[in-house]
Amino acid sequence: MKKVFKKCLLVIIMINLMVTYAYSNVHKNDSNESKTSINFDRVKKGQKLIIKSEEGTIVYKELLDKSGTYRKEFDLTSLPNGRYYFELDKDLEIQIIPFIVQNTKVNFKKENTRSIYKPIVTTKENVVSINKLALNLEPLEINIYYDSGNHELIHTEKIKDKNNIQRVYRLLKSVNGKYKVVCTTQGRTFTTFFEF
């Protein structure tokens, strides 16, 4: 029964993410060739929209101040030649839309649009649960640290070749205090702090 529930929950999350993903849209504004319009449906207040260079330099960052539909025009033609990414940083995923600027021309690479699904870390007393959707079998590295003045690594694991990563760790009840869980996947690091 528990396995059926987990699989149903995973299917619901995947459908929700795919529906949300399907509602993003990027297009050139016909009335102004230098403007690019970006639209996202079903955004939430507190999510972040970022434009990054290929080197990781943030050239634009906005904290969304309302939920619903997000629409904005950008003049991307003034950016230096190079590869860039729009990133919509959501609760469970980071949606990435790449584009290239070449001699004031902007070319979106919609076929390279992708999502990074974040690991979900939950804690209850001394139990740590980690779940991650890895549709492309991308590896997940998990490091758990105990803070005894300096962060002491107490567990490390690298999981690969799984599309639904699920791990549960039970920490010693006698060693209470502050802990840190660091998950690394697809060049991104996600950190969760907790104590019991």
N, C-alpha and C. Protein backbone atom coordinates (compact mmCIF):
# COMPACT_ATOMS: atom_id res chain seq x y z
N MET A 1 0.82 -1.20 0.00
CA MET A 1 0.00 0.00 0.00
C MET A 1 0.86 1.25 0.00
N LYS A 2 1.95 1.22 0.79
CA LYS A 2 2.84 2.37 0.88
C LYS A 2 3.52 2.65 -0.46
N LYS A 3 3.94 1.59 -1.18
CA LYS A 3 4.58 1.74 -2.48
C LYS A 3 3.61 2.33 -3.50
N VAL A 4 2.36 1.88 -3.48
CA VAL A 4 1.34 2.39 -4.39
C VAL A 4 1.12 3.88 -4.13
N PHE A 5 1.05 4.26 -2.86
CA PHE A 5 0.87 5.67 -2.50
C PHE A 5 2.03 6.51 -3.01
N LYS A 6 3.27 6.03 -2.83
CA LYS A 6 4.46 6.77 -3.28
C LYS A 6 4.45 6.93 -4.79
N LYS A 7 4.09 5.86 -5.52
CA LYS A 7 4.05 5.94 -6.98
C LYS A 7 2.97 6.90 -7.44
N CYS A 8 1.81 6.89 -6.81
CA CYS A 8 0.73 7.82 -7.16
C CYS A 8 1.16 9.26 -6.89
N LEU A 9 1.83 9.48 -5.78
CA LEU A 9 2.31 10.82 -5.44
C LEU A 9 3.34 11.28 -6.47
N LEU A 10 4.24 10.40 -6.88
CA LEU A 10 5.24 10.74 -7.89
C LEU A 10 4.58 11.09 -9.21
N VAL A 11 3.58 10.33 -9.63
CA VAL A 11 2.87 10.61 -10.89
C VAL A 11 2.17 11.97 -10.81
N ILE A 12 1.54 12.27 -9.69
CA ILE A 12 0.86 13.57 -9.52
C ILE A 12 1.87 14.71 -9.60
N ILE A 13 3.02 14.57 -8.95
CA ILE A 13 4.05 15.61 -9.00
C ILE A 13 4.55 15.78 -10.42
N MET A 14 4.81 14.67 -11.13
CA MET A 14 5.31 14.77 -12.51
C MET A 14 4.30 15.44 -13.42
N ILE A 15 3.04 15.09 -13.30
CA ILE A 15 2.00 15.72 -14.14
C ILE A 15 1.91 17.21 -13.83
N ASN A 16 1.94 17.57 -12.55
CA ASN A 16 1.89 18.97 -12.16
C ASN A 16 3.07 19.74 -12.72
N LEU A 17 4.27 19.16 -12.65
CA LEU A 17 5.46 19.84 -13.17
C LEU A 17 5.39 19.98 -14.68
N MET A 18 4.91 18.95 -15.38
CA MET A 18 4.81 19.03 -16.84
C MET A 18 3.77 20.07 -17.26
N VAL A 19 2.64 20.13 -16.57
CA VAL A 19 1.61 21.11 -16.91
C VAL A 19 2.15 22.52 -16.66
N THR A 20 2.80 22.72 -15.52
CA THR A 20 3.37 24.03 -15.21
C THR A 20 4.41 24.39 -16.24
N TYR A 21 5.25 23.44 -16.63
CA TYR A 21 6.31 23.68 -17.59
C TYR A 21 5.72 24.05 -18.95
N ALA A 22 4.62 23.45 -19.33
CA ALA A 22 4.03 23.68 -20.65
C ALA A 22 3.50 25.09 -20.83
N TYR A 23 3.32 25.82 -19.75
CA TYR A 23 2.73 27.14 -19.85
C TYR A 23 3.74 28.27 -19.97
N SER A 24 5.02 27.98 -20.10
CA SER A 24 5.99 29.05 -20.32
C SER A 24 6.06 29.37 -21.80
N ASN A 25 6.33 30.62 -22.12
CA ASN A 25 6.35 31.04 -23.50
C ASN A 25 7.32 32.20 -23.65
N VAL A 26 8.14 32.16 -24.69
CA VAL A 26 9.07 33.23 -25.00
C VAL A 26 8.88 33.57 -26.46
N HIS A 27 8.73 34.86 -26.77
CA HIS A 27 8.63 35.24 -28.17
C HIS A 27 9.06 36.69 -28.38
N LYS A 28 9.43 36.98 -29.63
CA LYS A 28 9.82 38.33 -29.99
C LYS A 28 8.57 39.19 -30.11
N ASN A 29 8.67 40.42 -29.66
CA ASN A 29 7.58 41.38 -29.77
C ASN A 29 7.58 41.94 -31.19
N ASP A 30 6.48 41.73 -31.93
CA ASP A 30 6.41 42.16 -33.33
C ASP A 30 6.52 43.66 -33.49
N SER A 31 6.02 44.44 -32.52
CA SER A 31 6.03 45.89 -32.65
C SER A 31 7.40 46.49 -32.33
N ASN A 32 8.27 45.74 -31.68
CA ASN A 32 9.59 46.25 -31.32
C ASN A 32 10.57 45.09 -31.40
N GLU A 33 11.39 45.08 -32.46
CA GLU A 33 12.31 43.97 -32.72
C GLU A 33 13.34 43.75 -31.62
N SER A 34 13.64 44.78 -30.83
CA SER A 34 14.67 44.62 -29.81
C SER A 34 14.11 44.03 -28.52
N LYS A 35 12.80 43.92 -28.41
CA LYS A 35 12.18 43.42 -27.18
C LYS A 35 11.81 41.94 -27.31
N THR A 36 12.04 41.22 -26.22
CA THR A 36 11.64 39.82 -26.11
C THR A 36 10.65 39.73 -24.96
N SER A 37 9.51 39.12 -25.22
CA SER A 37 8.49 38.96 -24.20
C SER A 37 8.58 37.56 -23.60
N ILE A 38 8.56 37.51 -22.28
CA ILE A 38 8.58 36.21 -21.61
C ILE A 38 7.33 36.09 -20.76
N ASN A 39 6.68 34.94 -20.84
CA ASN A 39 5.43 34.69 -20.13
C ASN A 39 5.51 33.37 -19.38
N PHE A 40 5.08 33.39 -18.13
CA PHE A 40 4.95 32.17 -17.34
C PHE A 40 3.58 32.20 -16.67
N ASP A 41 2.84 31.13 -16.82
CA ASP A 41 1.58 30.98 -16.10
C ASP A 41 1.86 30.20 -14.82
N ARG A 42 1.02 30.41 -13.84
CA ARG A 42 1.07 29.68 -12.57
C ARG A 42 2.37 29.87 -11.80
N VAL A 43 2.85 31.11 -11.77
CA VAL A 43 4.00 31.39 -10.91
C VAL A 43 3.48 31.69 -9.51
N LYS A 44 4.37 31.62 -8.52
CA LYS A 44 3.99 31.91 -7.15
C LYS A 44 4.83 33.06 -6.61
N LYS A 45 4.23 33.84 -5.75
CA LYS A 45 4.94 34.91 -5.07
C LYS A 45 6.15 34.32 -4.35
N GLY A 46 7.30 34.97 -4.51
CA GLY A 46 8.53 34.50 -3.86
C GLY A 46 9.44 33.70 -4.77
N GLN A 47 8.93 33.25 -5.92
CA GLN A 47 9.80 32.57 -6.87
C GLN A 47 10.74 33.60 -7.51
N LYS A 48 11.86 33.13 -8.08
CA LYS A 48 12.85 34.04 -8.63
C LYS A 48 13.01 33.84 -10.13
N LEU A 49 13.12 34.95 -10.86
CA LEU A 49 13.47 34.92 -12.28
C LEU A 49 14.86 35.52 -12.40
N ILE A 50 15.75 34.77 -13.04
CA ILE A 50 17.14 35.16 -13.14
C ILE A 50 17.58 35.04 -14.60
N ILE A 51 18.42 35.97 -15.05
CA ILE A 51 19.11 35.82 -16.33
C ILE A 51 20.59 35.67 -15.98
N LYS A 52 21.19 34.56 -16.47
CA LYS A 52 22.59 34.27 -16.20
C LYS A 52 23.37 34.12 -17.49
N SER A 53 24.65 34.47 -17.41
CA SER A 53 25.55 34.17 -18.52
C SER A 53 25.97 32.71 -18.40
N GLU A 54 26.58 32.19 -19.45
CA GLU A 54 27.05 30.80 -19.42
C GLU A 54 28.09 30.59 -18.32
N GLU A 55 28.81 31.64 -17.98
CA GLU A 55 29.83 31.55 -16.93
C GLU A 55 29.22 31.60 -15.54
N GLY A 56 27.92 31.87 -15.43
CA GLY A 56 27.25 31.90 -14.13
C GLY A 56 27.04 33.30 -13.57
N THR A 57 27.45 34.33 -14.30
CA THR A 57 27.26 35.70 -13.85
C THR A 57 25.77 36.07 -13.97
N ILE A 58 25.21 36.58 -12.88
CA ILE A 58 23.80 37.00 -12.90
C ILE A 58 23.73 38.40 -13.48
N VAL A 59 22.97 38.55 -14.58
CA VAL A 59 22.81 39.86 -15.21
C VAL A 59 21.46 40.49 -14.89
N TYR A 60 20.54 39.69 -14.37
CA TYR A 60 19.22 40.20 -13.97
C TYR A 60 18.65 39.24 -12.94
N LYS A 61 18.00 39.80 -11.91
CA LYS A 61 17.37 38.97 -10.89
C LYS A 61 16.13 39.69 -10.39
N GLU A 62 15.03 38.94 -10.29
CA GLU A 62 13.77 39.52 -9.82
C GLU A 62 13.07 38.52 -8.91
N LEU A 63 12.64 38.99 -7.77
CA LEU A 63 11.82 38.19 -6.86
C LEU A 63 10.37 38.49 -7.22
N LEU A 64 9.63 37.47 -7.64
CA LEU A 64 8.25 37.70 -8.09
C LEU A 64 7.40 38.12 -6.90
N ASP A 65 6.64 39.21 -7.10
CA ASP A 65 5.89 39.78 -5.98
C ASP A 65 4.42 39.39 -5.96
N LYS A 66 4.00 38.56 -6.94
CA LYS A 66 2.61 38.10 -6.92
C LYS A 66 2.49 36.77 -7.64
N SER A 67 1.43 36.05 -7.31
CA SER A 67 1.16 34.76 -7.93
C SER A 67 0.26 34.95 -9.14
N GLY A 68 0.28 33.97 -10.04
CA GLY A 68 -0.58 34.03 -11.23
C GLY A 68 0.24 33.98 -12.50
N THR A 69 -0.03 34.92 -13.40
CA THR A 69 0.66 34.98 -14.68
C THR A 69 1.74 36.06 -14.62
N TYR A 70 2.93 35.72 -15.11
CA TYR A 70 4.04 36.67 -15.17
C TYR A 70 4.32 36.98 -16.63
N ARG A 71 4.31 38.26 -16.96
CA ARG A 71 4.65 38.71 -18.32
C ARG A 71 5.56 39.92 -18.22
N LYS A 72 6.62 39.90 -19.01
CA LYS A 72 7.55 41.03 -19.01
C LYS A 72 8.31 41.06 -20.31
N GLU A 73 8.66 42.28 -20.75
CA GLU A 73 9.48 42.44 -21.94
C GLU A 73 10.90 42.78 -21.52
N PHE A 74 11.86 42.20 -22.22
CA PHE A 74 13.27 42.44 -21.96
C PHE A 74 13.95 42.86 -23.25
N ASP A 75 14.88 43.81 -23.16
CA ASP A 75 15.74 44.16 -24.28
C ASP A 75 17.05 43.41 -24.07
N LEU A 76 17.15 42.26 -24.72
CA LEU A 76 18.33 41.41 -24.55
C LEU A 76 19.41 41.72 -25.58
N THR A 77 19.11 42.59 -26.55
CA THR A 77 20.05 42.88 -27.62
C THR A 77 21.28 43.66 -27.14
N SER A 78 21.17 44.31 -25.98
CA SER A 78 22.31 45.08 -25.47
C SER A 78 23.31 44.22 -24.70
N LEU A 79 22.98 42.94 -24.48
CA LEU A 79 23.92 42.04 -23.81
C LEU A 79 25.10 41.74 -24.72
N PRO A 80 26.29 41.55 -24.15
CA PRO A 80 27.44 41.15 -24.97
C PRO A 80 27.19 39.79 -25.64
N ASN A 81 27.85 39.55 -26.76
CA ASN A 81 27.72 38.27 -27.45
C ASN A 81 28.01 37.13 -26.48
N GLY A 82 27.19 36.08 -26.54
CA GLY A 82 27.43 34.94 -25.68
C GLY A 82 26.18 34.13 -25.46
N ARG A 83 26.30 33.12 -24.61
CA ARG A 83 25.20 32.22 -24.26
C ARG A 83 24.66 32.65 -22.89
N TYR A 84 23.33 32.64 -22.79
CA TYR A 84 22.66 33.05 -21.56
C TYR A 84 21.51 32.09 -21.26
N TYR A 85 20.95 32.26 -20.04
CA TYR A 85 19.83 31.42 -19.62
C TYR A 85 18.84 32.25 -18.83
N PHE A 86 17.56 32.08 -19.13
CA PHE A 86 16.51 32.49 -18.21
C PHE A 86 16.35 31.33 -17.24
N GLU A 87 16.25 31.62 -15.96
CA GLU A 87 15.96 30.58 -14.97
C GLU A 87 14.79 31.03 -14.11
N LEU A 88 13.77 30.20 -14.06
CA LEU A 88 12.66 30.43 -13.15
C LEU A 88 12.86 29.44 -12.00
N ASP A 89 13.22 29.97 -10.84
CA ASP A 89 13.52 29.16 -9.66
C ASP A 89 12.24 28.97 -8.87
N LYS A 90 11.68 27.76 -8.95
CA LYS A 90 10.39 27.44 -8.33
C LYS A 90 10.61 26.57 -7.11
N ASP A 91 9.51 26.18 -6.46
CA ASP A 91 9.60 25.37 -5.25
C ASP A 91 10.32 24.05 -5.47
N LEU A 92 9.94 23.31 -6.51
CA LEU A 92 10.46 21.96 -6.72
C LEU A 92 11.37 21.82 -7.93
N GLU A 93 11.49 22.86 -8.73
CA GLU A 93 12.31 22.77 -9.93
C GLU A 93 12.89 24.13 -10.31
N ILE A 94 13.92 24.08 -11.13
CA ILE A 94 14.47 25.27 -11.76
C ILE A 94 14.28 25.08 -13.25
N GLN A 95 13.47 25.92 -13.87
CA GLN A 95 13.21 25.83 -15.30
C GLN A 95 14.23 26.70 -16.02
N ILE A 96 14.93 26.13 -17.01
CA ILE A 96 16.03 26.81 -17.69
C ILE A 96 15.71 26.96 -19.17
N ILE A 97 15.76 28.21 -19.66
CA ILE A 97 15.48 28.51 -21.06
C ILE A 97 16.72 29.20 -21.65
N PRO A 98 17.51 28.48 -22.46
CA PRO A 98 18.75 29.06 -22.99
C PRO A 98 18.51 29.95 -24.20
N PHE A 99 19.39 30.95 -24.37
CA PHE A 99 19.37 31.78 -25.57
C PHE A 99 20.77 32.27 -25.86
N ILE A 100 20.97 32.68 -27.12
CA ILE A 100 22.27 33.18 -27.57
C ILE A 100 22.10 34.60 -28.06
N VAL A 101 23.02 35.48 -27.70
CA VAL A 101 23.07 36.83 -28.24
C VAL A 101 24.28 36.90 -29.16
N GLN A 102 24.03 37.27 -30.42
CA GLN A 102 25.11 37.38 -31.41
C GLN A 102 24.85 38.62 -32.26
N ASN A 103 25.71 39.64 -32.10
CA ASN A 103 25.60 40.88 -32.87
C ASN A 103 24.20 41.48 -32.77
N THR A 104 23.72 41.67 -31.58
CA THR A 104 22.42 42.25 -31.23
C THR A 104 21.22 41.40 -31.69
N LYS A 105 21.46 40.19 -32.11
CA LYS A 105 20.38 39.26 -32.47
C LYS A 105 20.23 38.25 -31.33
N VAL A 106 18.98 37.97 -30.97
CA VAL A 106 18.70 37.04 -29.88
C VAL A 106 18.04 35.80 -30.47
N ASN A 107 18.61 34.63 -30.17
CA ASN A 107 18.11 33.38 -30.69
C ASN A 107 17.86 32.42 -29.52
N PHE A 108 16.60 32.05 -29.31
CA PHE A 108 16.26 31.13 -28.23
C PHE A 108 16.43 29.70 -28.70
N LYS A 109 16.99 28.88 -27.84
CA LYS A 109 17.22 27.47 -28.12
C LYS A 109 16.16 26.65 -27.38
N LYS A 110 14.91 26.71 -27.87
CA LYS A 110 13.80 26.05 -27.18
C LYS A 110 13.99 24.54 -27.06
N GLU A 111 14.69 23.93 -28.03
CA GLU A 111 14.92 22.49 -27.95
C GLU A 111 15.84 22.11 -26.79
N ASN A 112 16.58 23.09 -26.25
CA ASN A 112 17.47 22.84 -25.12
C ASN A 112 16.87 23.28 -23.79
N THR A 113 15.60 23.66 -23.79
CA THR A 113 14.93 24.02 -22.54
C THR A 113 14.86 22.78 -21.65
N ARG A 114 15.14 22.97 -20.38
CA ARG A 114 15.17 21.82 -19.47
C ARG A 114 14.80 22.26 -18.07
N SER A 115 14.64 21.29 -17.20
CA SER A 115 14.35 21.55 -15.79
C SER A 115 15.30 20.76 -14.92
N ILE A 116 15.69 21.38 -13.82
CA ILE A 116 16.43 20.69 -12.78
C ILE A 116 15.44 20.51 -11.64
N TYR A 117 15.19 19.26 -11.28
CA TYR A 117 14.26 18.98 -10.19
C TYR A 117 15.05 18.97 -8.89
N LYS A 118 14.60 19.77 -7.94
CA LYS A 118 15.30 19.92 -6.68
C LYS A 118 15.07 18.71 -5.79
N PRO A 119 16.07 18.36 -4.99
CA PRO A 119 15.83 17.32 -3.98
C PRO A 119 14.93 17.88 -2.88
N ILE A 120 14.03 17.05 -2.39
CA ILE A 120 13.13 17.45 -1.31
C ILE A 120 13.64 16.79 -0.04
N VAL A 121 14.07 17.62 0.91
CA VAL A 121 14.62 17.13 2.17
C VAL A 121 13.62 17.43 3.28
N THR A 122 13.18 16.39 3.98
CA THR A 122 12.28 16.59 5.12
C THR A 122 12.92 15.93 6.34
N THR A 123 12.67 16.55 7.50
CA THR A 123 13.24 16.01 8.73
C THR A 123 12.14 15.92 9.79
N LYS A 124 12.26 14.89 10.59
CA LYS A 124 11.38 14.74 11.76
C LYS A 124 12.22 14.10 12.84
N GLU A 125 12.50 14.89 13.86
CA GLU A 125 13.40 14.48 14.94
C GLU A 125 14.71 14.02 14.33
N ASN A 126 15.09 12.75 14.51
CA ASN A 126 16.39 12.28 14.02
C ASN A 126 16.30 11.55 12.67
N VAL A 127 15.19 11.68 11.97
CA VAL A 127 15.01 11.00 10.68
C VAL A 127 15.05 12.04 9.55
N VAL A 128 15.89 11.77 8.55
CA VAL A 128 16.03 12.64 7.38
C VAL A 128 15.57 11.86 6.16
N SER A 129 14.61 12.41 5.41
CA SER A 129 14.13 11.79 4.17
C SER A 129 14.51 12.68 2.99
N ILE A 130 15.02 12.07 1.93
CA ILE A 130 15.40 12.81 0.73
C ILE A 130 14.74 12.13 -0.46
N ASN A 131 14.02 12.93 -1.27
CA ASN A 131 13.37 12.45 -2.48
C ASN A 131 13.76 13.37 -3.62
N LYS A 132 14.02 12.77 -4.78
CA LYS A 132 14.36 13.58 -5.96
C LYS A 132 13.91 12.87 -7.22
N LEU A 133 13.30 13.64 -8.10
CA LEU A 133 12.92 13.16 -9.41
C LEU A 133 14.12 13.36 -10.34
N ALA A 134 14.59 12.31 -10.98
CA ALA A 134 15.76 12.36 -11.87
C ALA A 134 15.37 11.71 -13.20
N LEU A 135 14.61 12.43 -14.00
CA LEU A 135 14.05 11.86 -15.23
C LEU A 135 15.13 11.40 -16.21
N ASN A 136 16.30 12.07 -16.18
CA ASN A 136 17.40 11.69 -17.07
C ASN A 136 18.48 10.90 -16.35
N LEU A 137 18.12 10.30 -15.23
CA LEU A 137 19.03 9.48 -14.43
C LEU A 137 20.26 10.25 -13.97
N GLU A 138 20.10 11.56 -13.78
CA GLU A 138 21.22 12.37 -13.32
C GLU A 138 21.59 12.00 -11.89
N PRO A 139 22.89 11.93 -11.58
CA PRO A 139 23.31 11.52 -10.24
C PRO A 139 22.99 12.57 -9.17
N LEU A 140 22.88 12.09 -7.95
CA LEU A 140 22.65 12.95 -6.79
C LEU A 140 23.69 12.58 -5.73
N GLU A 141 24.45 13.57 -5.30
CA GLU A 141 25.41 13.35 -4.22
C GLU A 141 24.82 13.94 -2.94
N ILE A 142 24.83 13.14 -1.88
CA ILE A 142 24.27 13.54 -0.59
C ILE A 142 25.39 13.56 0.44
N ASN A 143 25.54 14.66 1.15
CA ASN A 143 26.49 14.77 2.26
C ASN A 143 25.74 15.28 3.48
N ILE A 144 25.90 14.59 4.60
CA ILE A 144 25.26 15.01 5.85
C ILE A 144 26.38 15.38 6.83
N TYR A 145 26.24 16.57 7.42
CA TYR A 145 27.25 17.10 8.35
C TYR A 145 26.63 17.31 9.72
N TYR A 146 27.45 17.08 10.75
CA TYR A 146 27.08 17.40 12.12
C TYR A 146 27.91 18.60 12.54
N ASP A 147 27.25 19.60 13.16
CA ASP A 147 27.95 20.82 13.57
C ASP A 147 28.42 20.68 15.02
N SER A 148 29.67 20.33 15.16
CA SER A 148 30.28 20.22 16.49
C SER A 148 31.31 21.34 16.67
N GLY A 149 30.97 22.52 16.19
CA GLY A 149 31.90 23.65 16.17
C GLY A 149 32.39 23.88 14.75
N ASN A 150 32.72 22.80 14.07
CA ASN A 150 32.99 22.83 12.63
C ASN A 150 32.12 21.73 12.03
N HIS A 151 31.79 21.84 10.77
CA HIS A 151 30.88 20.87 10.17
C HIS A 151 31.64 19.58 9.86
N GLU A 152 31.30 18.53 10.61
CA GLU A 152 31.95 17.23 10.47
C GLU A 152 31.09 16.35 9.56
N LEU A 153 31.69 15.86 8.47
CA LEU A 153 30.99 14.98 7.54
C LEU A 153 30.74 13.64 8.22
N ILE A 154 29.44 13.26 8.34
CA ILE A 154 29.12 11.99 8.99
C ILE A 154 28.57 10.95 8.01
N HIS A 155 28.15 11.39 6.81
CA HIS A 155 27.67 10.44 5.81
C HIS A 155 27.80 11.06 4.43
N THR A 156 28.23 10.25 3.47
CA THR A 156 28.27 10.69 2.08
C THR A 156 27.81 9.53 1.19
N GLU A 157 27.09 9.88 0.14
CA GLU A 157 26.57 8.86 -0.78
C GLU A 157 26.34 9.50 -2.14
N LYS A 158 26.65 8.76 -3.20
CA LYS A 158 26.36 9.22 -4.56
C LYS A 158 25.43 8.20 -5.20
N ILE A 159 24.26 8.67 -5.63
CA ILE A 159 23.24 7.81 -6.20
C ILE A 159 23.13 8.12 -7.68
N LYS A 160 23.19 7.07 -8.51
CA LYS A 160 23.04 7.29 -9.95
C LYS A 160 22.21 6.19 -10.57
N ASP A 161 21.80 6.44 -11.81
CA ASP A 161 21.01 5.48 -12.59
C ASP A 161 19.66 5.15 -11.96
N LYS A 162 19.06 6.13 -11.29
CA LYS A 162 17.71 5.98 -10.75
C LYS A 162 16.90 7.21 -11.15
N ASN A 163 15.65 7.01 -11.54
CA ASN A 163 14.83 8.17 -11.90
C ASN A 163 13.95 8.65 -10.76
N ASN A 164 13.83 7.86 -9.70
CA ASN A 164 13.08 8.27 -8.52
C ASN A 164 13.93 7.93 -7.30
N ILE A 165 14.68 8.94 -6.84
CA ILE A 165 15.61 8.72 -5.74
C ILE A 165 14.88 8.93 -4.42
N GLN A 166 14.97 7.93 -3.54
CA GLN A 166 14.35 8.00 -2.22
C GLN A 166 15.33 7.44 -1.20
N ARG A 167 15.67 8.25 -0.21
CA ARG A 167 16.57 7.81 0.85
C ARG A 167 16.02 8.25 2.20
N VAL A 168 16.20 7.40 3.21
CA VAL A 168 15.83 7.75 4.58
C VAL A 168 17.04 7.43 5.46
N TYR A 169 17.44 8.40 6.27
CA TYR A 169 18.57 8.24 7.17
C TYR A 169 18.09 8.45 8.61
N ARG A 170 18.50 7.55 9.48
CA ARG A 170 18.15 7.67 10.90
C ARG A 170 19.44 8.02 11.65
N LEU A 171 19.46 9.23 12.23
CA LEU A 171 20.62 9.70 12.97
C LEU A 171 20.53 9.22 14.41
N LEU A 172 21.66 9.13 15.08
CA LEU A 172 21.67 8.69 16.47
C LEU A 172 20.93 9.70 17.34
N LYS A 173 19.95 9.24 18.10
CA LYS A 173 19.18 10.14 18.97
C LYS A 173 20.05 10.75 20.06
N SER A 174 21.09 10.04 20.44
CA SER A 174 21.96 10.54 21.51
C SER A 174 22.87 11.67 21.05
N VAL A 175 22.97 11.89 19.72
CA VAL A 175 23.85 12.94 19.19
C VAL A 175 22.96 14.04 18.62
N ASN A 176 22.25 14.73 19.52
CA ASN A 176 21.39 15.80 19.03
C ASN A 176 22.22 17.08 18.87
N GLY A 177 21.67 18.01 18.08
CA GLY A 177 22.38 19.24 17.79
C GLY A 177 22.00 19.74 16.40
N LYS A 178 22.93 20.47 15.80
CA LYS A 178 22.69 21.08 14.48
C LYS A 178 23.31 20.21 13.39
N TYR A 179 22.55 20.08 12.30
CA TYR A 179 22.98 19.27 11.16
C TYR A 179 22.79 20.06 9.87
N LYS A 180 23.49 19.61 8.84
CA LYS A 180 23.37 20.21 7.51
C LYS A 180 23.35 19.08 6.49
N VAL A 181 22.38 19.14 5.54
CA VAL A 181 22.32 18.19 4.44
C VAL A 181 22.63 18.97 3.16
N VAL A 182 23.65 18.50 2.43
CA VAL A 182 24.05 19.15 1.18
C VAL A 182 23.84 18.16 0.05
N CYS A 183 22.94 18.52 -0.90
CA CYS A 183 22.65 17.68 -2.06
C CYS A 183 23.18 18.40 -3.31
N THR A 184 23.93 17.66 -4.14
CA THR A 184 24.49 18.24 -5.36
C THR A 184 24.03 17.42 -6.55
N THR A 185 23.48 18.12 -7.56
CA THR A 185 23.02 17.47 -8.78
C THR A 185 23.07 18.47 -9.92
N GLN A 186 23.47 18.03 -11.09
CA GLN A 186 23.50 18.84 -12.31
C GLN A 186 24.19 20.18 -12.09
N GLY A 187 25.29 20.16 -11.35
CA GLY A 187 26.06 21.39 -11.14
C GLY A 187 25.45 22.36 -10.15
N ARG A 188 24.42 21.93 -9.43
CA ARG A 188 23.74 22.79 -8.45
C ARG A 188 23.86 22.16 -7.07
N THR A 189 23.93 23.02 -6.06
CA THR A 189 24.01 22.57 -4.67
C THR A 189 22.81 23.09 -3.90
N PHE A 190 22.15 22.22 -3.14
CA PHE A 190 20.99 22.55 -2.34
C PHE A 190 21.31 22.17 -0.89
N THR A 191 21.17 23.14 0.03
CA THR A 191 21.56 22.94 1.42
C THR A 191 20.35 23.09 2.33
N THR A 192 20.21 22.17 3.27
CA THR A 192 19.14 22.20 4.26
C THR A 192 19.77 22.11 5.65
N PHE A 193 19.40 23.03 6.54
CA PHE A 193 19.86 23.01 7.92
C PHE A 193 18.73 22.55 8.82
N PHE A 194 19.03 21.78 9.84
CA PHE A 194 18.02 21.37 10.80
C PHE A 194 18.71 21.00 12.12
N GLU A 195 17.91 20.89 13.16
CA GLU A 195 18.44 20.41 14.44
C GLU A 195 17.36 19.63 15.18
N PHE A 196 17.80 18.76 16.05
CA PHE A 196 16.88 18.00 16.90
C PHE A 196 17.51 17.81 18.26
